[in-house]
Protein backbone atom coordinates (compact mmCIF):
# COMPACT_ATOMS: atom_id res chain seq x y z
CA MET A 1 3.02 -4.28 26.09
CA THR A 2 4.56 -3.96 22.63
CA ALA A 3 2.81 -5.21 19.53
CA PRO A 4 4.19 -8.44 18.06
CA MET A 5 6.46 -8.15 15.04
CA PRO A 6 4.62 -8.89 11.79
CA ALA A 7 5.40 -12.22 10.16
CA MET A 8 7.55 -11.53 7.11
CA ILE A 9 7.79 -13.85 4.13
CA ASP A 10 10.41 -13.52 1.41
CA SER A 11 9.71 -13.71 -2.32
CA ALA A 12 11.13 -17.22 -2.80
CA GLU A 13 9.02 -18.64 0.05
CA LEU A 14 5.88 -16.92 -1.22
CA ASN A 15 6.52 -18.26 -4.73
CA ARG A 16 6.87 -21.77 -3.27
CA ARG A 17 3.63 -21.41 -1.27
CA LEU A 18 1.74 -20.06 -4.28
CA ALA A 19 2.67 -23.21 -6.21
CA SER A 20 1.49 -25.48 -3.36
CA GLY A 21 -1.91 -27.16 -3.03
CA ALA A 22 -3.07 -24.58 -0.48
CA PRO A 23 -1.76 -21.20 -1.65
CA PRO A 24 -2.23 -18.11 0.51
CA ARG A 25 -4.54 -15.27 -0.51
CA VAL A 26 -2.40 -12.36 -1.73
CA LEU A 27 -3.90 -8.94 -0.98
CA ASP A 28 -2.19 -5.99 -2.64
CA VAL A 29 -2.89 -2.86 -0.57
CA ARG A 30 -1.52 -0.32 -3.06
CA THR A 31 -3.73 2.12 -4.97
CA PRO A 32 -5.68 0.78 -7.95
CA GLY A 33 -3.46 2.83 -10.26
CA GLU A 34 -0.30 1.25 -8.86
CA PHE A 35 -1.91 -2.20 -8.99
CA GLU A 36 -2.92 -1.76 -12.64
CA THR A 37 0.65 -0.83 -13.54
CA VAL A 38 2.23 -3.95 -12.03
CA HIS A 39 0.96 -6.74 -9.78
CA MET A 40 1.44 -10.39 -8.95
CA PRO A 41 -0.76 -12.78 -10.94
CA GLY A 42 -3.66 -13.98 -8.78
CA SER A 43 -3.39 -11.13 -6.28
CA TYR A 44 -6.39 -9.04 -5.23
CA ASN A 45 -6.31 -5.27 -5.03
CA VAL A 46 -7.64 -4.14 -1.64
CA PRO A 47 -6.34 -0.57 -1.19
CA LEU A 48 -5.23 0.27 2.34
CA ASP A 49 -7.88 2.96 2.86
CA LEU A 50 -10.63 0.57 1.70
CA LEU A 51 -9.29 -2.19 3.94
CA ARG A 52 -9.24 0.10 6.97
CA GLU A 53 -12.74 1.43 6.31
CA HIS A 54 -14.39 -1.93 5.49
CA ARG A 55 -12.20 -4.37 7.36
CA ASP A 56 -15.02 -6.51 8.76
CA GLU A 57 -16.85 -6.90 5.44
CA ILE A 58 -13.61 -7.91 3.71
CA LEU A 59 -12.55 -10.28 6.50
CA ALA A 60 -15.85 -12.13 6.21
CA HIS A 61 -14.56 -13.40 2.85
CA VAL A 62 -10.95 -14.12 3.81
CA ASP A 63 -10.46 -17.23 5.93
CA GLU A 64 -7.14 -18.65 4.81
CA ASP A 65 -3.53 -17.56 5.05
CA VAL A 66 -3.07 -14.02 3.79
CA VAL A 67 0.03 -12.35 2.40
CA LEU A 68 -0.05 -8.56 2.18
CA VAL A 69 1.82 -6.76 -0.60
CA CYS A 70 2.57 -3.12 -1.28
CA ARG A 71 5.47 -1.39 -3.00
CA SER A 72 8.10 -1.85 -0.31
CA GLY A 73 6.32 -3.12 2.82
CA GLN A 74 5.23 0.02 4.70
CA ARG A 75 1.55 0.04 3.72
CA ALA A 76 1.43 -3.75 4.08
CA ALA A 77 2.65 -3.34 7.68
CA GLN A 78 -0.21 -0.91 8.37
CA ALA A 79 -2.68 -3.35 6.78
CA GLU A 80 -1.23 -6.21 8.85
CA GLU A 81 -1.83 -4.25 12.03
CA THR A 82 -5.44 -3.60 10.98
CA LEU A 83 -6.06 -7.29 10.23
CA ARG A 84 -4.26 -8.50 13.36
CA LYS A 85 -6.41 -6.21 15.53
CA ALA A 86 -9.48 -7.66 13.78
CA GLY A 87 -8.41 -11.16 14.78
CA LEU A 88 -7.12 -12.64 11.49
CA PRO A 89 -4.46 -15.12 12.68
CA ASN A 90 -2.42 -16.02 9.59
CA VAL A 91 -1.22 -12.75 8.10
CA HIS A 92 2.18 -12.27 6.50
CA ILE A 93 3.90 -9.35 4.78
CA LEU A 94 5.92 -9.81 1.61
CA ASP A 95 9.36 -8.62 2.65
CA GLY A 96 10.37 -5.81 0.31
CA GLY A 97 6.98 -5.78 -1.41
CA ILE A 98 6.37 -5.98 -5.14
CA THR A 99 9.75 -4.31 -5.67
CA ALA A 100 11.56 -7.30 -4.13
CA TRP A 101 9.30 -9.74 -6.00
CA GLN A 102 10.23 -8.12 -9.33
CA THR A 103 13.93 -7.88 -8.41
CA LYS A 104 14.00 -11.64 -7.78
CA GLY A 105 12.61 -12.17 -11.29
CA PHE A 106 9.22 -13.62 -10.36
CA VAL A 107 6.28 -13.23 -12.74
CA VAL A 108 4.23 -10.03 -12.69
CA ASN A 109 1.41 -8.66 -14.77
CA GLN A 110 2.65 -5.33 -16.05
CA ARG A 111 0.77 -2.71 -18.04
CA GLY A 112 1.68 0.88 -18.67
CA GLN A 113 3.79 3.04 -16.43
CA ARG A 114 2.61 5.17 -13.51
CA TRP A 115 4.47 6.76 -10.71
CA ASP A 116 4.08 4.92 -7.43
CA LEU A 117 2.54 6.77 -4.51
CA GLU A 118 5.81 7.28 -2.62
CA ARG A 119 7.38 8.97 -5.66
CA GLN A 120 4.34 11.23 -6.00
CA VAL A 121 4.66 12.27 -2.34
CA ARG A 122 8.33 13.17 -2.85
CA LEU A 123 7.46 15.23 -5.94
CA VAL A 124 4.61 17.16 -4.31
CA ALA A 125 6.47 17.75 -1.03
CA GLY A 126 9.61 18.86 -2.87
CA LEU A 127 7.68 21.23 -5.12
CA ILE A 128 5.80 22.79 -2.21
CA VAL A 129 9.03 23.34 -0.27
CA ALA A 130 10.94 24.74 -3.26
CA VAL A 131 8.14 27.08 -4.36
CA SER A 132 7.39 28.31 -0.84
CA ILE A 133 11.07 29.08 -0.16
CA LEU A 134 11.44 30.95 -3.46
CA ALA A 135 8.15 32.80 -2.96
CA SER A 136 9.17 33.73 0.58
CA ILE A 137 11.54 36.26 -1.02
CA LEU A 138 8.42 38.28 -1.85
CA VAL A 139 6.17 37.07 0.97
CA PRO A 140 8.38 36.22 3.98
CA GLY A 141 5.68 34.26 5.78
CA LEU A 142 5.63 31.55 3.10
CA LYS A 143 8.75 29.98 4.58
CA TRP A 144 6.42 28.51 7.21
CA VAL A 145 4.73 26.45 4.51
CA ALA A 146 8.09 24.75 3.90
CA PHE A 147 8.42 24.23 7.65
CA ALA A 148 4.93 22.66 7.80
CA ILE A 149 5.78 20.23 5.00
CA GLY A 150 9.04 19.27 6.74
CA ALA A 151 7.22 18.77 10.04
CA GLY A 152 4.54 16.71 8.26
CA LEU A 153 7.16 14.47 6.65
CA THR A 154 8.85 14.01 10.02
CA PHE A 155 5.52 13.07 11.61
CA ALA A 156 4.86 10.66 8.72
CA ALA A 157 8.19 8.93 9.31
CA VAL A 158 7.73 8.66 13.08
CA THR A 159 4.15 7.34 12.88
CA ASN A 160 4.65 5.34 9.65
CA THR A 161 1.62 7.08 8.15
CA CYS A 162 1.38 9.64 5.38
CA ALA A 163 -1.52 12.06 5.15
CA MET A 164 -0.22 13.45 1.85
CA GLY A 165 0.02 9.94 0.43
CA MET A 166 -3.54 9.14 1.48
CA LEU A 167 -4.76 12.37 -0.14
CA LEU A 168 -2.86 11.65 -3.35
CA ALA A 169 -4.29 8.11 -3.38
CA LYS A 170 -7.77 9.62 -3.78
CA LEU A 171 -6.88 11.48 -6.99
CA PRO A 172 -8.38 10.06 -10.21
CA TYR A 173 -4.87 9.30 -11.50
CA ASN A 174 -4.40 6.83 -8.64
CA ARG A 175 -7.91 5.41 -8.53
CA GLY A 176 -7.60 3.40 -11.73
CA ALA A 177 -10.40 0.96 -12.53
CA SER A 178 -13.29 0.40 -10.17
CA CYS A 179 -12.03 -0.72 -6.79
CA ASP A 180 -14.92 -0.31 -4.40
CA LEU A 181 -16.07 -2.60 -1.61
CA ARG A 182 -18.62 -4.43 -3.78
CA THR A 183 -16.01 -5.19 -6.47
CA VAL A 184 -13.41 -6.34 -3.96
CA VAL A 185 -15.83 -8.63 -2.10
CA ALA A 186 -17.13 -10.08 -5.40
CA GLN A 187 -13.57 -10.95 -6.45
CA LEU A 188 -12.82 -12.57 -3.09
CA VAL A 189 -16.05 -14.62 -3.17
CA ASP A 190 -15.56 -15.72 -6.80
CA ALA A 191 -12.07 -16.98 -5.98
CA LYS A 192 -13.29 -19.49 -3.37
């Protein structure tokens, strides 16, 4: 049996629902660093790794419609699967993520400039491949490092996961302000 397709919502529809009497809860699953750089007003930062690890504690404080946001929709799709498996019925994904929201001209809170996680992955993977190929002139076995990175990127595409991205998300640059379980739950409770 195949998993049901996630319910997508476009930026215009989300904007309309946010202005209604019963707006959905918007959970942004990007890293705290990405969230601090740009986010939708009223959204809550619940990084994907935190959501996966503490799903039940977070769900205890989310009982309404939920819209998941990330940069482009990939991490939100992973979060949607986690929440759907936990039994949360009304979960949507913002089609195109915060990128689409900004492109449509909707309001965002923006501060500073940081590279998003996907761009960081491309930089690190590209550097490792380039350096290992060049260094393989002196140490022929290093070409296998480039192969491993290519195989890892292929696996990431096929499984829609990214081990390198999850490792980079743990760096201090991407952690930003405090975004632990206690802080997230306190924000969700205070909003009710």
